[in-house]
């Protein structure tokens, strides 16, 4: 992706009407690029009022992938509720088996507050363990961290 500003125009005509999904290997600039796509998608769906919360949530979830998932690969899914006014569900799926857990960072800690921010901003959130990938020893035991933002 080119290094462009958040105000550049994105052609949203290719976005599906109810769900958007992107697979990526998370790098240092990935959250900014995904936020840009997410904001345009929410505007297209008439859900601009959840833009800021959605941008914060997707940033925190992608930073967790960047810091804690060895291969840094994930799938981001944004799904609009059937009743568009109801809001969206954002999920970030990775194949790393370690589930995120509550942290108690000290007052000067640099990290450890991401999921607390997600919990504070989202109407609902959770983690779903997924051991369906592969068979036998090849099972990866990945997970999806998701949240719901009501409009």
N, C-alpha and C. Protein backbone atom coordinates (compact mmCIF):
# COMPACT_ATOMS: atom_id res chain seq x y z
N UNK A 1 0.83 -1.18 0.00
CA UNK A 1 0.00 0.00 0.00
C UNK A 1 0.87 1.24 0.00
N UNK A 2 0.42 2.25 -0.69
CA UNK A 2 1.14 3.51 -0.70
C UNK A 2 0.96 4.23 0.62
N UNK A 3 1.92 5.05 0.94
CA UNK A 3 1.84 5.84 2.16
C UNK A 3 1.05 7.11 1.85
N UNK A 4 -0.25 7.09 2.09
CA UNK A 4 -1.11 8.22 1.76
C UNK A 4 -1.82 8.69 3.01
N UNK A 5 -2.39 9.87 2.92
CA UNK A 5 -3.08 10.42 4.10
C UNK A 5 -4.45 9.80 4.26
N UNK A 6 -5.00 9.94 5.48
CA UNK A 6 -6.32 9.40 5.77
C UNK A 6 -7.42 10.12 5.02
N UNK A 7 -7.12 11.25 4.41
CA UNK A 7 -8.16 12.01 3.72
C UNK A 7 -8.25 11.67 2.24
N UNK A 8 -7.38 10.80 1.72
CA UNK A 8 -7.44 10.41 0.32
C UNK A 8 -8.75 9.67 0.05
N UNK A 9 -9.23 9.75 -1.17
CA UNK A 9 -10.48 9.12 -1.56
C UNK A 9 -10.24 7.64 -1.84
N UNK A 10 -11.12 6.81 -1.34
CA UNK A 10 -11.09 5.37 -1.61
C UNK A 10 -12.33 5.05 -2.43
N UNK A 11 -12.16 4.27 -3.48
CA UNK A 11 -13.30 3.84 -4.29
C UNK A 11 -14.03 2.74 -3.53
N UNK A 12 -15.20 3.06 -2.99
CA UNK A 12 -15.96 2.10 -2.20
C UNK A 12 -16.94 1.28 -3.03
N UNK A 13 -16.96 1.48 -4.35
CA UNK A 13 -17.92 0.75 -5.17
C UNK A 13 -17.68 -0.75 -5.17
N UNK A 14 -16.47 -1.18 -4.84
CA UNK A 14 -16.17 -2.61 -4.83
C UNK A 14 -16.51 -3.28 -3.50
N UNK A 15 -16.87 -2.51 -2.47
CA UNK A 15 -17.16 -3.10 -1.17
C UNK A 15 -18.49 -3.83 -1.19
N UNK A 16 -18.55 -5.00 -0.58
CA UNK A 16 -19.82 -5.73 -0.51
C UNK A 16 -20.80 -5.00 0.41
N UNK A 17 -22.04 -5.40 0.33
CA UNK A 17 -23.07 -4.69 1.07
C UNK A 17 -23.15 -5.05 2.55
N UNK A 18 -22.74 -6.24 2.95
CA UNK A 18 -22.89 -6.62 4.36
C UNK A 18 -21.61 -7.03 5.07
N UNK A 19 -20.59 -7.43 4.33
CA UNK A 19 -19.39 -7.92 4.99
C UNK A 19 -18.16 -7.56 4.17
N UNK A 20 -17.12 -7.22 4.90
CA UNK A 20 -15.83 -6.94 4.27
C UNK A 20 -14.79 -7.76 5.01
N UNK A 21 -13.88 -8.37 4.27
CA UNK A 21 -12.86 -9.23 4.88
C UNK A 21 -11.53 -8.97 4.18
N UNK A 22 -10.48 -8.87 4.99
CA UNK A 22 -9.14 -8.68 4.43
C UNK A 22 -8.17 -9.56 5.20
N UNK A 23 -7.31 -10.26 4.46
CA UNK A 23 -6.23 -11.06 5.04
C UNK A 23 -4.95 -10.26 4.91
N UNK A 24 -4.16 -10.22 5.98
CA UNK A 24 -2.93 -9.46 5.91
C UNK A 24 -1.91 -9.97 6.90
N UNK A 25 -0.67 -9.61 6.62
CA UNK A 25 0.41 -9.77 7.58
C UNK A 25 0.62 -8.39 8.17
N UNK A 26 0.41 -8.26 9.45
CA UNK A 26 0.40 -6.96 10.10
C UNK A 26 1.82 -6.41 10.22
N UNK A 27 1.98 -5.20 9.71
CA UNK A 27 3.22 -4.45 9.83
C UNK A 27 2.95 -3.19 10.63
N UNK A 28 3.97 -2.38 10.77
CA UNK A 28 3.86 -1.17 11.58
C UNK A 28 2.79 -0.21 11.06
N UNK A 29 2.56 -0.17 9.75
CA UNK A 29 1.60 0.78 9.18
C UNK A 29 0.23 0.17 8.91
N UNK A 30 0.07 -1.11 9.15
CA UNK A 30 -1.20 -1.79 8.86
C UNK A 30 -2.40 -1.18 9.57
N UNK A 31 -2.32 -0.86 10.86
CA UNK A 31 -3.51 -0.30 11.51
C UNK A 31 -4.01 0.97 10.81
N UNK A 32 -3.10 1.83 10.37
CA UNK A 32 -3.51 3.06 9.69
C UNK A 32 -4.25 2.75 8.40
N UNK A 33 -3.73 1.81 7.62
CA UNK A 33 -4.36 1.47 6.35
C UNK A 33 -5.73 0.81 6.56
N UNK A 34 -5.81 -0.09 7.54
CA UNK A 34 -7.09 -0.76 7.81
C UNK A 34 -8.10 0.24 8.36
N UNK A 35 -7.67 1.17 9.20
CA UNK A 35 -8.59 2.22 9.70
C UNK A 35 -9.17 3.02 8.55
N UNK A 36 -8.34 3.35 7.60
CA UNK A 36 -8.79 4.13 6.44
C UNK A 36 -9.88 3.39 5.66
N UNK A 37 -9.65 2.12 5.41
CA UNK A 37 -10.64 1.29 4.72
C UNK A 37 -11.91 1.19 5.56
N UNK A 38 -11.75 0.95 6.85
CA UNK A 38 -12.88 0.79 7.76
C UNK A 38 -13.74 2.06 7.79
N UNK A 39 -13.12 3.21 7.89
CA UNK A 39 -13.88 4.47 7.92
C UNK A 39 -14.71 4.65 6.65
N UNK A 40 -14.12 4.37 5.50
CA UNK A 40 -14.86 4.50 4.24
C UNK A 40 -16.01 3.50 4.16
N UNK A 41 -15.75 2.29 4.61
CA UNK A 41 -16.78 1.25 4.61
C UNK A 41 -17.95 1.65 5.50
N UNK A 42 -17.67 2.15 6.69
CA UNK A 42 -18.73 2.56 7.61
C UNK A 42 -19.52 3.74 7.05
N UNK A 43 -18.85 4.66 6.39
CA UNK A 43 -19.57 5.77 5.74
C UNK A 43 -20.48 5.26 4.65
N UNK A 44 -19.98 4.32 3.85
CA UNK A 44 -20.77 3.72 2.78
C UNK A 44 -22.02 3.05 3.33
N UNK A 45 -21.90 2.42 4.49
CA UNK A 45 -23.01 1.73 5.12
C UNK A 45 -23.90 2.66 5.95
N UNK A 46 -23.56 3.94 6.01
CA UNK A 46 -24.36 4.87 6.81
C UNK A 46 -24.11 4.73 8.30
N UNK A 47 -22.93 4.26 8.68
CA UNK A 47 -22.61 4.04 10.09
C UNK A 47 -21.44 4.91 10.55
N UNK A 48 -21.36 6.11 10.02
CA UNK A 48 -20.26 7.01 10.36
C UNK A 48 -20.20 7.29 11.86
N UNK A 49 -21.33 7.17 12.55
CA UNK A 49 -21.34 7.49 13.99
C UNK A 49 -20.54 6.50 14.83
N UNK A 50 -20.18 5.34 14.28
CA UNK A 50 -19.34 4.40 15.03
C UNK A 50 -17.90 4.39 14.53
N UNK A 51 -17.57 5.30 13.63
CA UNK A 51 -16.22 5.35 13.04
C UNK A 51 -15.10 5.41 14.06
N UNK A 52 -15.20 6.35 14.99
CA UNK A 52 -14.11 6.55 15.95
C UNK A 52 -13.92 5.33 16.84
N UNK A 53 -15.01 4.76 17.32
CA UNK A 53 -14.92 3.56 18.16
C UNK A 53 -14.35 2.39 17.35
N UNK A 54 -14.81 2.24 16.11
CA UNK A 54 -14.33 1.15 15.26
C UNK A 54 -12.84 1.32 14.97
N UNK A 55 -12.40 2.54 14.72
CA UNK A 55 -10.99 2.79 14.44
C UNK A 55 -10.12 2.44 15.64
N UNK A 56 -10.58 2.79 16.83
CA UNK A 56 -9.83 2.47 18.05
C UNK A 56 -9.75 0.96 18.25
N UNK A 57 -10.87 0.30 18.10
CA UNK A 57 -10.93 -1.15 18.32
C UNK A 57 -10.03 -1.89 17.33
N UNK A 58 -10.15 -1.57 16.05
CA UNK A 58 -9.36 -2.30 15.05
C UNK A 58 -7.87 -2.03 15.25
N UNK A 59 -7.53 -0.84 15.67
CA UNK A 59 -6.13 -0.53 15.96
C UNK A 59 -5.61 -1.40 17.09
N UNK A 60 -6.35 -1.47 18.19
CA UNK A 60 -5.91 -2.26 19.34
C UNK A 60 -5.78 -3.74 18.98
N UNK A 61 -6.74 -4.26 18.22
CA UNK A 61 -6.69 -5.68 17.87
C UNK A 61 -5.54 -5.99 16.93
N UNK A 62 -5.25 -5.09 15.99
CA UNK A 62 -4.13 -5.30 15.08
C UNK A 62 -2.78 -5.15 15.79
N UNK A 63 -2.70 -4.24 16.73
CA UNK A 63 -1.47 -4.10 17.51
C UNK A 63 -1.22 -5.38 18.31
N UNK A 64 -2.27 -5.99 18.83
CA UNK A 64 -2.11 -7.26 19.54
C UNK A 64 -1.55 -8.35 18.62
N UNK A 65 -2.04 -8.39 17.38
CA UNK A 65 -1.50 -9.35 16.41
C UNK A 65 -0.01 -9.04 16.17
N UNK A 66 0.29 -7.79 15.95
CA UNK A 66 1.67 -7.38 15.69
C UNK A 66 2.61 -7.78 16.83
N UNK A 67 2.16 -7.62 18.05
CA UNK A 67 3.01 -7.88 19.22
C UNK A 67 3.03 -9.34 19.67
N UNK A 68 1.93 -10.07 19.46
CA UNK A 68 1.82 -11.37 20.10
C UNK A 68 1.69 -12.57 19.17
N UNK A 69 1.43 -12.38 17.89
CA UNK A 69 1.26 -13.50 16.97
C UNK A 69 2.57 -13.67 16.18
N UNK A 70 3.23 -14.81 16.31
CA UNK A 70 4.55 -14.98 15.70
C UNK A 70 4.61 -14.66 14.20
N UNK A 71 3.65 -15.13 13.41
CA UNK A 71 3.72 -14.87 11.96
C UNK A 71 3.01 -13.57 11.55
N UNK A 72 2.35 -12.92 12.52
CA UNK A 72 1.67 -11.63 12.31
C UNK A 72 0.58 -11.66 11.24
N UNK A 73 0.11 -12.85 10.91
CA UNK A 73 -0.96 -12.94 9.91
C UNK A 73 -2.32 -12.98 10.59
N UNK A 74 -3.29 -12.35 9.94
CA UNK A 74 -4.65 -12.36 10.49
C UNK A 74 -5.65 -12.08 9.39
N UNK A 75 -6.90 -12.25 9.74
CA UNK A 75 -8.02 -11.89 8.87
C UNK A 75 -8.90 -10.94 9.66
N UNK A 76 -9.14 -9.77 9.09
CA UNK A 76 -10.03 -8.79 9.70
C UNK A 76 -11.36 -8.88 8.98
N UNK A 77 -12.44 -9.02 9.75
CA UNK A 77 -13.79 -9.08 9.18
C UNK A 77 -14.63 -7.97 9.81
N UNK A 78 -15.34 -7.25 8.95
CA UNK A 78 -16.29 -6.24 9.41
C UNK A 78 -17.64 -6.65 8.84
N UNK A 79 -18.59 -6.90 9.71
CA UNK A 79 -19.90 -7.38 9.28
C UNK A 79 -20.98 -6.45 9.81
N UNK A 80 -21.77 -5.95 8.89
CA UNK A 80 -22.89 -5.09 9.25
C UNK A 80 -24.07 -5.96 9.65
N UNK A 81 -24.78 -5.56 10.69
CA UNK A 81 -25.99 -6.27 11.08
C UNK A 81 -27.02 -6.16 9.97
N UNK A 82 -27.93 -7.12 9.91
CA UNK A 82 -28.97 -7.07 8.87
C UNK A 82 -29.75 -5.77 8.94
N UNK A 83 -30.05 -5.34 10.15
CA UNK A 83 -30.65 -4.02 10.35
C UNK A 83 -29.47 -3.06 10.41
N UNK A 84 -29.22 -2.34 9.32
CA UNK A 84 -28.02 -1.50 9.21
C UNK A 84 -27.89 -0.53 10.37
N UNK A 85 -29.00 -0.07 10.91
CA UNK A 85 -28.94 0.88 12.01
C UNK A 85 -28.44 0.25 13.30
N UNK A 86 -28.40 -1.09 13.35
CA UNK A 86 -28.00 -1.78 14.57
C UNK A 86 -26.50 -1.69 14.83
N UNK A 87 -25.68 -1.62 13.79
CA UNK A 87 -24.25 -1.49 13.98
C UNK A 87 -23.45 -2.57 13.28
N UNK A 88 -22.22 -2.80 13.77
CA UNK A 88 -21.30 -3.72 13.12
C UNK A 88 -20.62 -4.63 14.14
N UNK A 89 -20.09 -5.73 13.62
CA UNK A 89 -19.24 -6.63 14.39
C UNK A 89 -17.89 -6.65 13.68
N UNK A 90 -16.83 -6.42 14.45
CA UNK A 90 -15.48 -6.45 13.92
C UNK A 90 -14.77 -7.63 14.56
N UNK A 91 -14.14 -8.46 13.74
CA UNK A 91 -13.40 -9.60 14.26
C UNK A 91 -12.00 -9.65 13.67
N UNK A 92 -11.05 -10.07 14.47
CA UNK A 92 -9.68 -10.28 14.00
C UNK A 92 -9.30 -11.71 14.36
N UNK A 93 -9.07 -12.51 13.33
CA UNK A 93 -8.78 -13.94 13.48
C UNK A 93 -7.32 -14.19 13.20
N UNK A 94 -6.66 -14.97 14.04
CA UNK A 94 -5.29 -15.39 13.78
C UNK A 94 -5.18 -16.86 14.14
N UNK A 95 -4.06 -17.48 13.76
CA UNK A 95 -3.89 -18.91 13.99
C UNK A 95 -3.06 -19.21 15.24
N UNK A 96 -2.74 -18.19 16.02
CA UNK A 96 -1.93 -18.39 17.22
C UNK A 96 -2.83 -18.93 18.34
N UNK A 97 -2.41 -20.02 19.01
CA UNK A 97 -3.30 -20.65 19.99
C UNK A 97 -3.42 -19.92 21.33
N UNK A 98 -2.54 -18.99 21.63
CA UNK A 98 -2.58 -18.34 22.94
C UNK A 98 -3.72 -17.32 22.98
N UNK A 99 -4.59 -17.48 23.96
CA UNK A 99 -5.72 -16.56 24.10
C UNK A 99 -5.29 -15.32 24.87
N UNK A 100 -5.83 -14.17 24.49
CA UNK A 100 -5.51 -12.96 25.25
C UNK A 100 -6.15 -13.04 26.63
N UNK A 101 -5.49 -12.47 27.59
CA UNK A 101 -6.02 -12.49 28.94
C UNK A 101 -5.96 -11.12 29.57
N UNK A 102 -6.64 -10.95 30.68
CA UNK A 102 -6.64 -9.65 31.36
C UNK A 102 -5.24 -9.31 31.85
N UNK A 103 -4.91 -8.06 31.76
CA UNK A 103 -3.61 -7.56 32.19
C UNK A 103 -3.83 -6.57 33.33
N UNK A 104 -2.84 -6.44 34.15
CA UNK A 104 -2.87 -5.44 35.22
C UNK A 104 -1.58 -4.62 35.11
N UNK A 105 -1.50 -3.78 34.07
CA UNK A 105 -0.26 -3.02 33.88
C UNK A 105 -0.07 -1.96 34.96
N UNK A 106 1.15 -1.74 35.29
CA UNK A 106 1.46 -0.68 36.25
C UNK A 106 1.21 0.69 35.63
N UNK A 107 1.25 1.73 36.42
CA UNK A 107 0.93 3.07 35.91
C UNK A 107 1.91 3.56 34.85
N UNK A 108 3.12 3.02 34.80
CA UNK A 108 4.10 3.47 33.82
C UNK A 108 4.33 2.47 32.69
N UNK A 109 3.54 1.40 32.66
CA UNK A 109 3.69 0.38 31.62
C UNK A 109 3.31 0.95 30.26
N UNK A 110 4.05 0.55 29.23
CA UNK A 110 3.80 1.02 27.88
C UNK A 110 2.60 0.30 27.26
N UNK A 111 2.39 -0.95 27.59
CA UNK A 111 1.32 -1.73 26.99
C UNK A 111 0.44 -2.38 28.03
N UNK A 112 -0.46 -3.26 27.55
CA UNK A 112 -1.29 -4.03 28.45
C UNK A 112 -2.69 -3.49 28.68
N UNK A 113 -3.05 -2.43 27.95
CA UNK A 113 -4.38 -1.83 28.15
C UNK A 113 -5.31 -1.98 26.96
N UNK A 114 -4.85 -2.65 25.90
CA UNK A 114 -5.61 -2.74 24.66
C UNK A 114 -6.99 -3.34 24.81
N UNK A 115 -7.07 -4.50 25.44
CA UNK A 115 -8.37 -5.14 25.59
C UNK A 115 -9.27 -4.40 26.56
N UNK A 116 -8.68 -3.70 27.52
CA UNK A 116 -9.48 -2.86 28.42
C UNK A 116 -10.12 -1.72 27.62
N UNK A 117 -9.38 -1.17 26.67
CA UNK A 117 -9.94 -0.13 25.80
C UNK A 117 -11.07 -0.70 24.92
N UNK A 118 -10.83 -1.88 24.37
CA UNK A 118 -11.87 -2.53 23.56
C UNK A 118 -13.13 -2.73 24.40
N UNK A 119 -12.97 -3.24 25.60
CA UNK A 119 -14.11 -3.47 26.49
C UNK A 119 -14.83 -2.18 26.83
N UNK A 120 -14.09 -1.10 26.99
CA UNK A 120 -14.70 0.19 27.35
C UNK A 120 -15.47 0.81 26.19
N UNK A 121 -15.01 0.57 24.98
CA UNK A 121 -15.62 1.21 23.80
C UNK A 121 -16.73 0.37 23.18
N UNK A 122 -16.56 -0.95 23.20
CA UNK A 122 -17.51 -1.84 22.52
C UNK A 122 -18.74 -2.10 23.39
N UNK A 123 -19.84 -2.41 22.72
CA UNK A 123 -21.06 -2.80 23.44
C UNK A 123 -20.94 -4.24 23.94
N UNK A 124 -20.26 -5.08 23.17
CA UNK A 124 -19.97 -6.47 23.55
C UNK A 124 -18.63 -6.81 22.93
N UNK A 125 -17.92 -7.73 23.55
CA UNK A 125 -16.69 -8.24 22.95
C UNK A 125 -16.41 -9.62 23.51
N UNK A 126 -15.55 -10.34 22.84
CA UNK A 126 -15.19 -11.66 23.32
C UNK A 126 -14.09 -12.29 22.50
N UNK A 127 -13.74 -13.50 22.90
CA UNK A 127 -12.72 -14.28 22.20
C UNK A 127 -13.31 -15.65 21.95
N UNK A 128 -13.21 -16.11 20.72
CA UNK A 128 -13.67 -17.45 20.37
C UNK A 128 -12.47 -18.27 19.94
N UNK A 129 -12.23 -19.37 20.65
CA UNK A 129 -11.14 -20.26 20.27
C UNK A 129 -11.60 -21.10 19.10
N UNK A 130 -10.69 -21.33 18.16
CA UNK A 130 -11.03 -22.08 16.96
C UNK A 130 -9.97 -23.15 16.74
N UNK A 131 -10.34 -24.39 16.96
CA UNK A 131 -9.38 -25.46 16.75
C UNK A 131 -9.74 -26.27 15.51
N UNK A 132 -10.44 -25.66 14.58
CA UNK A 132 -10.87 -26.38 13.38
C UNK A 132 -9.80 -26.46 12.31
N UNK A 133 -8.75 -25.65 12.39
CA UNK A 133 -7.72 -25.63 11.35
C UNK A 133 -6.87 -26.88 11.40
N UNK A 134 -6.80 -27.59 10.30
CA UNK A 134 -5.94 -28.76 10.24
C UNK A 134 -6.51 -29.94 11.01
N UNK A 135 -5.76 -31.00 11.03
CA UNK A 135 -6.18 -32.19 11.76
C UNK A 135 -5.00 -32.72 12.55
N UNK A 136 -5.29 -33.40 13.63
CA UNK A 136 -4.24 -34.00 14.45
C UNK A 136 -3.21 -32.98 14.90
N UNK A 137 -1.93 -33.29 14.73
CA UNK A 137 -0.88 -32.39 15.20
C UNK A 137 -0.84 -31.07 14.44
N UNK A 138 -1.47 -31.00 13.26
CA UNK A 138 -1.47 -29.77 12.48
C UNK A 138 -2.50 -28.75 12.97
N UNK A 139 -3.31 -29.11 13.92
CA UNK A 139 -4.30 -28.15 14.44
C UNK A 139 -3.59 -26.94 14.99
N UNK A 140 -4.09 -25.78 14.61
CA UNK A 140 -3.41 -24.56 15.06
C UNK A 140 -4.04 -23.97 16.30
N UNK A 141 -5.33 -24.23 16.50
CA UNK A 141 -5.98 -23.69 17.69
C UNK A 141 -6.00 -22.19 17.72
N UNK A 142 -6.31 -21.57 16.60
CA UNK A 142 -6.37 -20.12 16.53
C UNK A 142 -7.54 -19.55 17.28
N UNK A 143 -7.74 -18.25 17.11
CA UNK A 143 -8.82 -17.57 17.81
C UNK A 143 -9.29 -16.37 17.01
N UNK A 144 -10.48 -15.91 17.37
CA UNK A 144 -11.02 -14.66 16.85
C UNK A 144 -11.35 -13.78 18.03
N UNK A 145 -10.81 -12.58 18.03
CA UNK A 145 -11.19 -11.57 19.02
C UNK A 145 -12.17 -10.66 18.28
N UNK A 146 -13.35 -10.48 18.86
CA UNK A 146 -14.40 -9.75 18.17
C UNK A 146 -15.02 -8.71 19.11
N UNK A 147 -15.69 -7.76 18.49
CA UNK A 147 -16.48 -6.83 19.29
C UNK A 147 -17.66 -6.34 18.45
N UNK A 148 -18.67 -5.91 19.16
CA UNK A 148 -19.87 -5.38 18.53
C UNK A 148 -19.98 -3.90 18.90
N UNK A 149 -20.23 -3.09 17.87
CA UNK A 149 -20.45 -1.67 18.07
C UNK A 149 -21.86 -1.35 17.57
N UNK A 150 -22.71 -0.92 18.46
CA UNK A 150 -24.08 -0.59 18.08
C UNK A 150 -24.14 0.87 17.65
N UNK A 151 -24.91 1.10 16.63
CA UNK A 151 -25.02 2.46 16.08
C UNK A 151 -25.89 3.34 16.96
